[in-house]
């Protein structure tokens, strides 16, 4: 598996993987209208934006996972906007490889992300990697909030 920068040619693969992964972790909590929304326009926009950076994990020329980060607060804090793995690749190290590249790029900066509070797999993954939940939330599917998790600034070295 290789991890490379995502580009315009990856939009369809990223959008389809995003839909499959969301369906797997939201399950029946996923609103039908939301599930059918075309994600390609969002990913086209994110791949063009100057504050967004998309990494793709690729195996045999297929995108099996991706990560999107966004620089915020004058490039001091980084938002891990999304990290998705194709369900057949859950547990195969794809998220580990993407997260490792993300941390390398932090250069010691603090980071935050939002996790749907019923996504136990994601919460365990981030907790093992030094992230902690905060008291900041926003509404989420099925009345379950997204919780903001934080990774403190760390010195390099």
N, C-alpha and C. Protein backbone atom coordinates (compact mmCIF):
# COMPACT_ATOMS: atom_id res chain seq x y z
N UNK A 1 0.84 -1.18 0.00
CA UNK A 1 0.00 0.00 0.00
C UNK A 1 0.89 1.24 0.00
N UNK A 2 0.48 2.22 -0.79
CA UNK A 2 1.19 3.50 -0.78
C UNK A 2 0.23 4.59 -0.32
N UNK A 3 0.77 5.64 0.26
CA UNK A 3 -0.01 6.81 0.63
C UNK A 3 0.52 7.95 -0.22
N UNK A 4 -0.40 8.58 -0.96
CA UNK A 4 -0.02 9.66 -1.85
C UNK A 4 -1.02 10.79 -1.76
N UNK A 5 -0.65 11.93 -2.30
CA UNK A 5 -1.54 13.09 -2.33
C UNK A 5 -2.71 12.79 -3.25
N UNK A 6 -3.91 13.15 -2.82
CA UNK A 6 -5.10 12.98 -3.65
C UNK A 6 -5.21 14.11 -4.65
N UNK A 7 -5.86 13.82 -5.76
CA UNK A 7 -6.04 14.82 -6.80
C UNK A 7 -7.40 14.72 -7.45
N UNK A 8 -7.63 15.56 -8.43
CA UNK A 8 -8.92 15.63 -9.12
C UNK A 8 -9.33 14.28 -9.70
N UNK A 9 -8.38 13.47 -10.13
CA UNK A 9 -8.71 12.15 -10.70
C UNK A 9 -9.26 11.18 -9.65
N UNK A 10 -9.14 11.52 -8.38
CA UNK A 10 -9.58 10.63 -7.30
C UNK A 10 -11.00 10.92 -6.81
N UNK A 11 -11.63 11.96 -7.34
CA UNK A 11 -12.94 12.39 -6.81
C UNK A 11 -13.95 11.25 -6.76
N UNK A 12 -14.13 10.53 -7.86
CA UNK A 12 -15.14 9.47 -7.89
C UNK A 12 -14.83 8.37 -6.88
N UNK A 13 -13.58 7.96 -6.81
CA UNK A 13 -13.19 6.90 -5.87
C UNK A 13 -13.36 7.35 -4.43
N UNK A 14 -12.97 8.58 -4.12
CA UNK A 14 -13.10 9.10 -2.76
C UNK A 14 -14.58 9.20 -2.37
N UNK A 15 -15.41 9.75 -3.27
CA UNK A 15 -16.83 9.91 -2.95
C UNK A 15 -17.51 8.56 -2.74
N UNK A 16 -17.21 7.58 -3.57
CA UNK A 16 -17.82 6.25 -3.42
C UNK A 16 -17.36 5.58 -2.14
N UNK A 17 -16.08 5.67 -1.83
CA UNK A 17 -15.56 5.08 -0.59
C UNK A 17 -16.18 5.78 0.62
N UNK A 18 -16.30 7.09 0.55
CA UNK A 18 -16.92 7.87 1.63
C UNK A 18 -18.34 7.35 1.90
N UNK A 19 -19.11 7.13 0.86
CA UNK A 19 -20.47 6.62 1.02
C UNK A 19 -20.49 5.23 1.65
N UNK A 20 -19.62 4.33 1.18
CA UNK A 20 -19.59 2.96 1.72
C UNK A 20 -19.17 2.95 3.20
N UNK A 21 -18.18 3.74 3.52
CA UNK A 21 -17.67 3.77 4.89
C UNK A 21 -18.72 4.35 5.84
N UNK A 22 -19.35 5.45 5.43
CA UNK A 22 -20.40 6.06 6.26
C UNK A 22 -21.54 5.07 6.50
N UNK A 23 -21.93 4.35 5.47
CA UNK A 23 -23.01 3.37 5.62
C UNK A 23 -22.63 2.30 6.63
N UNK A 24 -21.36 1.92 6.65
CA UNK A 24 -20.90 0.88 7.58
C UNK A 24 -20.93 1.36 9.02
N UNK A 25 -20.49 2.59 9.30
CA UNK A 25 -20.44 2.97 10.71
C UNK A 25 -21.69 3.65 11.21
N UNK A 26 -22.49 4.28 10.35
CA UNK A 26 -23.76 4.84 10.80
C UNK A 26 -24.85 3.77 10.87
N UNK A 27 -24.76 2.76 10.01
CA UNK A 27 -25.79 1.72 10.00
C UNK A 27 -27.16 2.30 9.77
N UNK A 28 -28.13 1.84 10.55
CA UNK A 28 -29.51 2.30 10.36
C UNK A 28 -29.74 3.71 10.89
N UNK A 29 -28.75 4.33 11.50
CA UNK A 29 -28.88 5.71 11.98
C UNK A 29 -28.69 6.71 10.84
N UNK A 30 -28.23 6.25 9.70
CA UNK A 30 -28.00 7.13 8.56
C UNK A 30 -29.32 7.50 7.90
N UNK A 31 -29.61 8.77 7.86
CA UNK A 31 -30.80 9.29 7.22
C UNK A 31 -30.77 8.96 5.72
N UNK A 32 -31.86 8.45 5.18
CA UNK A 32 -31.91 8.01 3.78
C UNK A 32 -31.58 9.14 2.81
N UNK A 33 -32.08 10.33 3.07
CA UNK A 33 -31.78 11.47 2.20
C UNK A 33 -30.30 11.80 2.22
N UNK A 34 -29.70 11.80 3.41
CA UNK A 34 -28.27 12.07 3.54
C UNK A 34 -27.46 10.97 2.86
N UNK A 35 -27.89 9.73 2.99
CA UNK A 35 -27.16 8.61 2.40
C UNK A 35 -27.12 8.71 0.88
N UNK A 36 -28.13 9.29 0.27
CA UNK A 36 -28.20 9.37 -1.19
C UNK A 36 -27.61 10.65 -1.76
N UNK A 37 -27.16 11.55 -0.89
CA UNK A 37 -26.59 12.82 -1.37
C UNK A 37 -25.28 12.55 -2.10
N UNK A 38 -25.12 13.17 -3.25
CA UNK A 38 -23.91 13.04 -4.06
C UNK A 38 -22.76 13.75 -3.35
N UNK A 39 -21.74 13.02 -3.00
CA UNK A 39 -20.60 13.58 -2.27
C UNK A 39 -19.51 14.13 -3.21
N UNK A 40 -19.63 13.88 -4.51
CA UNK A 40 -18.60 14.34 -5.44
C UNK A 40 -18.40 15.85 -5.44
N UNK A 41 -19.45 16.68 -5.42
CA UNK A 41 -19.21 18.13 -5.39
C UNK A 41 -18.39 18.58 -4.18
N UNK A 42 -18.68 17.99 -3.02
CA UNK A 42 -17.91 18.33 -1.82
C UNK A 42 -16.44 17.98 -1.99
N UNK A 43 -16.16 16.78 -2.53
CA UNK A 43 -14.76 16.36 -2.67
C UNK A 43 -14.05 17.12 -3.78
N UNK A 44 -14.76 17.50 -4.83
CA UNK A 44 -14.15 18.36 -5.86
C UNK A 44 -13.70 19.68 -5.22
N UNK A 45 -14.60 20.27 -4.41
CA UNK A 45 -14.29 21.54 -3.74
C UNK A 45 -13.11 21.38 -2.79
N UNK A 46 -13.14 20.35 -1.96
CA UNK A 46 -12.05 20.17 -0.99
C UNK A 46 -10.71 19.93 -1.67
N UNK A 47 -10.71 19.21 -2.75
CA UNK A 47 -9.45 18.95 -3.46
C UNK A 47 -8.89 20.21 -4.11
N UNK A 48 -9.72 21.23 -4.31
CA UNK A 48 -9.27 22.49 -4.89
C UNK A 48 -8.88 23.53 -3.84
N UNK A 49 -9.42 23.43 -2.65
CA UNK A 49 -9.21 24.47 -1.63
C UNK A 49 -7.77 24.49 -1.15
N UNK A 50 -7.28 25.70 -0.93
CA UNK A 50 -5.87 25.85 -0.55
C UNK A 50 -5.60 25.41 0.89
N UNK A 51 -6.63 25.42 1.75
CA UNK A 51 -6.38 25.03 3.14
C UNK A 51 -6.65 23.54 3.38
N UNK A 52 -7.02 22.80 2.33
CA UNK A 52 -7.29 21.37 2.47
C UNK A 52 -6.18 20.56 1.82
N UNK A 53 -5.93 19.41 2.39
CA UNK A 53 -4.90 18.50 1.88
C UNK A 53 -5.47 17.09 2.01
N UNK A 54 -5.55 16.37 0.90
CA UNK A 54 -6.12 15.02 0.89
C UNK A 54 -5.02 14.01 0.60
N UNK A 55 -4.97 12.98 1.43
CA UNK A 55 -4.05 11.86 1.22
C UNK A 55 -4.87 10.62 0.91
N UNK A 56 -4.41 9.83 -0.05
CA UNK A 56 -5.09 8.60 -0.42
C UNK A 56 -4.19 7.40 -0.14
N UNK A 57 -4.76 6.37 0.48
CA UNK A 57 -4.07 5.09 0.62
C UNK A 57 -4.50 4.25 -0.57
N UNK A 58 -3.52 3.75 -1.32
CA UNK A 58 -3.81 3.06 -2.57
C UNK A 58 -3.18 1.67 -2.55
N UNK A 59 -3.99 0.69 -2.96
CA UNK A 59 -3.52 -0.69 -3.10
C UNK A 59 -3.98 -1.18 -4.47
N UNK A 60 -3.06 -1.67 -5.27
CA UNK A 60 -3.39 -2.17 -6.62
C UNK A 60 -4.21 -1.14 -7.41
N UNK A 61 -3.77 0.10 -7.39
CA UNK A 61 -4.41 1.20 -8.13
C UNK A 61 -5.82 1.54 -7.66
N UNK A 62 -6.24 1.04 -6.51
CA UNK A 62 -7.55 1.38 -5.95
C UNK A 62 -7.37 2.15 -4.65
N UNK A 63 -8.18 3.21 -4.49
CA UNK A 63 -8.16 3.97 -3.23
C UNK A 63 -8.89 3.14 -2.19
N UNK A 64 -8.18 2.77 -1.12
CA UNK A 64 -8.77 1.94 -0.06
C UNK A 64 -8.99 2.73 1.22
N UNK A 65 -8.54 3.98 1.24
CA UNK A 65 -8.73 4.87 2.37
C UNK A 65 -8.28 6.25 1.99
N UNK A 66 -8.76 7.24 2.73
CA UNK A 66 -8.30 8.60 2.49
C UNK A 66 -8.43 9.43 3.76
N UNK A 67 -7.70 10.50 3.79
CA UNK A 67 -7.69 11.42 4.92
C UNK A 67 -7.70 12.83 4.34
N UNK A 68 -8.46 13.70 4.96
CA UNK A 68 -8.46 15.12 4.57
C UNK A 68 -8.16 15.94 5.81
N UNK A 69 -7.18 16.83 5.69
CA UNK A 69 -6.89 17.75 6.79
C UNK A 69 -7.09 19.16 6.29
N UNK A 70 -7.35 20.05 7.24
CA UNK A 70 -7.52 21.46 6.92
C UNK A 70 -6.75 22.29 7.92
N UNK A 71 -6.02 23.27 7.42
CA UNK A 71 -5.29 24.20 8.28
C UNK A 71 -6.27 25.22 8.81
N UNK A 72 -6.17 25.55 10.09
CA UNK A 72 -7.06 26.53 10.69
C UNK A 72 -6.28 27.45 11.60
N UNK A 73 -6.91 28.53 11.97
CA UNK A 73 -6.35 29.52 12.88
C UNK A 73 -4.93 29.89 12.45
N UNK A 74 -4.85 30.47 11.27
CA UNK A 74 -3.58 30.93 10.71
C UNK A 74 -2.52 29.84 10.72
N UNK A 75 -2.94 28.63 10.35
CA UNK A 75 -2.06 27.46 10.23
C UNK A 75 -1.42 27.03 11.54
N UNK A 76 -2.05 27.38 12.66
CA UNK A 76 -1.53 26.93 13.95
C UNK A 76 -2.17 25.60 14.34
N UNK A 77 -3.48 25.50 14.19
CA UNK A 77 -4.17 24.27 14.54
C UNK A 77 -4.64 23.57 13.26
N UNK A 78 -4.60 22.25 13.29
CA UNK A 78 -4.97 21.46 12.13
C UNK A 78 -6.25 20.69 12.45
N UNK A 79 -7.18 20.69 11.49
CA UNK A 79 -8.39 19.90 11.64
C UNK A 79 -8.24 18.62 10.82
N UNK A 80 -8.40 17.50 11.48
CA UNK A 80 -8.50 16.23 10.77
C UNK A 80 -9.96 16.15 10.33
N UNK A 81 -10.21 16.63 9.14
CA UNK A 81 -11.57 16.78 8.61
C UNK A 81 -12.23 15.43 8.41
N UNK A 82 -11.48 14.47 7.89
CA UNK A 82 -12.06 13.15 7.66
C UNK A 82 -10.98 12.11 7.47
N UNK A 83 -11.27 10.92 7.94
CA UNK A 83 -10.41 9.76 7.73
C UNK A 83 -11.37 8.59 7.50
N UNK A 84 -11.37 8.06 6.28
CA UNK A 84 -12.29 6.98 5.92
C UNK A 84 -11.52 5.82 5.32
N UNK A 85 -11.95 4.63 5.66
CA UNK A 85 -11.37 3.40 5.13
C UNK A 85 -12.51 2.58 4.52
N UNK A 86 -12.24 1.98 3.37
CA UNK A 86 -13.22 1.12 2.73
C UNK A 86 -13.50 -0.06 3.67
N UNK A 87 -14.76 -0.37 3.96
CA UNK A 87 -15.07 -1.42 4.95
C UNK A 87 -14.31 -2.74 4.78
N UNK A 88 -14.09 -3.26 3.55
CA UNK A 88 -13.32 -4.51 3.47
C UNK A 88 -11.88 -4.37 3.99
N UNK A 89 -11.43 -3.14 4.14
CA UNK A 89 -10.06 -2.88 4.60
C UNK A 89 -9.99 -2.49 6.07
N UNK A 90 -11.13 -2.49 6.77
CA UNK A 90 -11.11 -2.22 8.22
C UNK A 90 -10.14 -3.19 8.88
N UNK A 91 -9.28 -2.68 9.76
CA UNK A 91 -8.36 -3.52 10.51
C UNK A 91 -7.12 -3.94 9.75
N UNK A 92 -6.92 -3.45 8.53
CA UNK A 92 -5.77 -3.86 7.72
C UNK A 92 -4.61 -2.87 7.78
N UNK A 93 -4.68 -1.86 8.64
CA UNK A 93 -3.58 -0.91 8.78
C UNK A 93 -3.68 0.33 7.91
N UNK A 94 -4.76 0.45 7.15
CA UNK A 94 -4.93 1.61 6.27
C UNK A 94 -5.04 2.89 7.10
N UNK A 95 -5.92 2.89 8.09
CA UNK A 95 -6.08 4.08 8.94
C UNK A 95 -4.79 4.39 9.68
N UNK A 96 -4.06 3.36 10.11
CA UNK A 96 -2.77 3.58 10.79
C UNK A 96 -1.81 4.34 9.88
N UNK A 97 -1.70 3.89 8.63
CA UNK A 97 -0.77 4.52 7.68
C UNK A 97 -1.16 5.97 7.41
N UNK A 98 -2.45 6.22 7.22
CA UNK A 98 -2.91 7.59 6.97
C UNK A 98 -2.70 8.48 8.19
N UNK A 99 -3.03 7.96 9.36
CA UNK A 99 -2.86 8.75 10.58
C UNK A 99 -1.39 9.06 10.85
N UNK A 100 -0.52 8.10 10.60
CA UNK A 100 0.91 8.32 10.79
C UNK A 100 1.41 9.47 9.92
N UNK A 101 0.98 9.48 8.66
CA UNK A 101 1.37 10.58 7.76
C UNK A 101 0.80 11.90 8.25
N UNK A 102 -0.43 11.88 8.76
CA UNK A 102 -1.05 13.09 9.32
C UNK A 102 -0.21 13.63 10.47
N UNK A 103 0.17 12.76 11.40
CA UNK A 103 0.95 13.19 12.57
C UNK A 103 2.31 13.73 12.14
N UNK A 104 2.94 13.09 11.16
CA UNK A 104 4.22 13.60 10.66
C UNK A 104 4.07 15.03 10.16
N UNK A 105 2.98 15.32 9.49
CA UNK A 105 2.75 16.65 8.94
C UNK A 105 2.36 17.70 9.97
N UNK A 106 1.98 17.26 11.16
CA UNK A 106 1.60 18.23 12.20
C UNK A 106 2.77 19.07 12.66
N UNK A 107 3.97 18.52 12.62
CA UNK A 107 5.16 19.24 13.10
C UNK A 107 4.94 19.79 14.51
N UNK A 108 4.28 19.00 15.35
CA UNK A 108 4.08 19.40 16.74
C UNK A 108 2.86 20.26 16.99
N UNK A 109 2.13 20.66 15.95
CA UNK A 109 0.95 21.52 16.12
C UNK A 109 -0.19 20.75 16.79
N UNK A 110 -1.09 21.47 17.45
CA UNK A 110 -2.28 20.82 17.99
C UNK A 110 -3.25 20.50 16.86
N UNK A 111 -4.15 19.57 17.12
CA UNK A 111 -5.13 19.18 16.11
C UNK A 111 -6.45 18.85 16.78
N UNK A 112 -7.50 18.88 15.97
CA UNK A 112 -8.82 18.49 16.46
C UNK A 112 -9.57 17.76 15.35
N UNK A 113 -10.59 17.03 15.76
CA UNK A 113 -11.47 16.32 14.84
C UNK A 113 -12.79 16.08 15.52
N UNK A 114 -13.81 15.75 14.75
CA UNK A 114 -15.12 15.42 15.30
C UNK A 114 -15.39 13.94 15.06
N UNK A 115 -15.88 13.27 16.10
CA UNK A 115 -16.23 11.84 16.01
C UNK A 115 -17.68 11.68 16.43
N UNK A 116 -18.44 10.96 15.60
CA UNK A 116 -19.82 10.64 15.97
C UNK A 116 -19.77 9.78 17.22
N UNK A 117 -20.49 10.14 18.23
CA UNK A 117 -20.33 9.52 19.55
C UNK A 117 -20.73 8.05 19.62
N UNK A 118 -21.40 7.51 18.59
CA UNK A 118 -21.70 6.08 18.58
C UNK A 118 -20.68 5.29 17.76
N UNK A 119 -19.68 5.96 17.22
CA UNK A 119 -18.66 5.27 16.42
C UNK A 119 -17.54 4.79 17.36
N UNK A 120 -17.79 3.65 18.00
CA UNK A 120 -16.86 3.12 18.99
C UNK A 120 -15.51 2.75 18.37
N UNK A 121 -15.52 2.26 17.14
CA UNK A 121 -14.27 1.90 16.46
C UNK A 121 -13.37 3.14 16.34
N UNK A 122 -13.96 4.26 15.89
CA UNK A 122 -13.18 5.49 15.72
C UNK A 122 -12.70 6.02 17.07
N UNK A 123 -13.56 6.01 18.07
CA UNK A 123 -13.16 6.53 19.37
C UNK A 123 -11.99 5.73 19.95
N UNK A 124 -12.03 4.42 19.82
CA UNK A 124 -10.92 3.59 20.32
C UNK A 124 -9.65 3.86 19.52
N UNK A 125 -9.78 4.00 18.21
CA UNK A 125 -8.63 4.28 17.34
C UNK A 125 -7.94 5.58 17.76
N UNK A 126 -8.71 6.65 17.91
CA UNK A 126 -8.12 7.94 18.25
C UNK A 126 -7.58 7.97 19.68
N UNK A 127 -8.27 7.34 20.60
CA UNK A 127 -7.80 7.30 21.99
C UNK A 127 -6.42 6.64 22.07
N UNK A 128 -6.22 5.55 21.32
CA UNK A 128 -4.92 4.85 21.31
C UNK A 128 -3.81 5.71 20.73
N UNK A 129 -4.17 6.74 20.00
CA UNK A 129 -3.18 7.59 19.33
C UNK A 129 -3.04 8.96 19.99
N UNK A 130 -3.49 9.07 21.23
CA UNK A 130 -3.24 10.29 21.99
C UNK A 130 -4.30 11.38 21.89
N UNK A 131 -5.43 11.10 21.26
CA UNK A 131 -6.52 12.07 21.17
C UNK A 131 -7.40 11.93 22.42
N UNK A 132 -8.05 13.03 22.82
CA UNK A 132 -8.97 13.01 23.97
C UNK A 132 -10.25 13.75 23.61
N UNK A 133 -11.39 13.23 24.07
CA UNK A 133 -12.64 13.95 23.81
C UNK A 133 -12.71 15.23 24.62
N UNK A 134 -13.35 16.23 24.06
CA UNK A 134 -13.57 17.49 24.78
C UNK A 134 -15.05 17.57 25.15
N UNK A 135 -15.46 18.68 25.71
CA UNK A 135 -16.88 18.86 26.02
C UNK A 135 -17.61 19.59 24.89
N UNK A 136 -16.93 19.83 23.78
CA UNK A 136 -17.53 20.50 22.63
C UNK A 136 -18.24 19.48 21.74
N UNK A 137 -19.49 19.76 21.40
CA UNK A 137 -20.28 18.86 20.57
C UNK A 137 -21.04 19.66 19.52
N UNK A 138 -21.55 18.94 18.53
CA UNK A 138 -22.49 19.50 17.56
C UNK A 138 -23.48 18.39 17.23
N UNK A 139 -24.66 18.75 16.74
CA UNK A 139 -25.68 17.73 16.46
C UNK A 139 -25.19 16.71 15.43
N UNK A 140 -25.68 15.49 15.60
CA UNK A 140 -25.33 14.42 14.68
C UNK A 140 -26.53 13.56 14.37
N UNK A 141 -26.34 12.54 13.54
CA UNK A 141 -27.45 11.65 13.15
C UNK A 141 -28.06 10.92 14.33
N UNK A 142 -29.34 10.65 14.22
CA UNK A 142 -30.10 9.85 15.19
C UNK A 142 -30.02 10.44 16.60
N UNK A 143 -29.88 11.76 16.68
CA UNK A 143 -29.85 12.41 17.99
C UNK A 143 -28.56 12.18 18.75
N UNK A 144 -27.55 11.59 18.13
CA UNK A 144 -26.26 11.34 18.77
C UNK A 144 -25.27 12.39 18.28
N UNK A 145 -24.65 13.13 19.18
CA UNK A 145 -23.79 14.24 18.74
C UNK A 145 -22.44 13.78 18.17
N UNK A 146 -21.84 14.69 17.45
CA UNK A 146 -20.42 14.59 17.13
C UNK A 146 -19.69 15.26 18.28
N UNK A 147 -18.63 14.64 18.75
CA UNK A 147 -17.83 15.17 19.85
C UNK A 147 -16.48 15.59 19.28
N UNK A 148 -16.03 16.79 19.65
CA UNK A 148 -14.72 17.25 19.21
C UNK A 148 -13.65 16.60 20.09
N UNK A 149 -12.70 15.97 19.42
CA UNK A 149 -11.55 15.37 20.09
C UNK A 149 -10.33 16.23 19.78
N UNK A 150 -9.38 16.27 20.70
CA UNK A 150 -8.19 17.10 20.54
C UNK A 150 -6.92 16.28 20.73
N UNK A 151 -5.93 16.68 19.97
CA UNK A 151 -4.58 16.12 20.11
C UNK A 151 -3.69 17.30 20.45
N UNK A 152 -3.04 17.27 21.62
CA UNK A 152 -2.27 18.44 22.05
C UNK A 152 -1.03 18.66 21.17
N UNK A 153 -0.53 19.88 21.24
CA UNK A 153 0.71 20.20 20.55
C UNK A 153 1.83 19.36 21.17
N UNK A 154 2.71 18.92 20.33
CA UNK A 154 3.84 18.12 20.82
C UNK A 154 5.11 18.65 20.20
N UNK A 155 6.17 18.60 20.96
CA UNK A 155 7.46 18.98 20.41
C UNK A 155 7.97 17.88 19.52
N UNK A 156 8.63 18.27 18.47
CA UNK A 156 9.22 17.26 17.57
C UNK A 156 10.52 16.77 18.18
N UNK A 157 10.83 15.57 17.81
CA UNK A 157 12.13 15.08 18.26
C UNK A 157 12.08 13.87 19.09
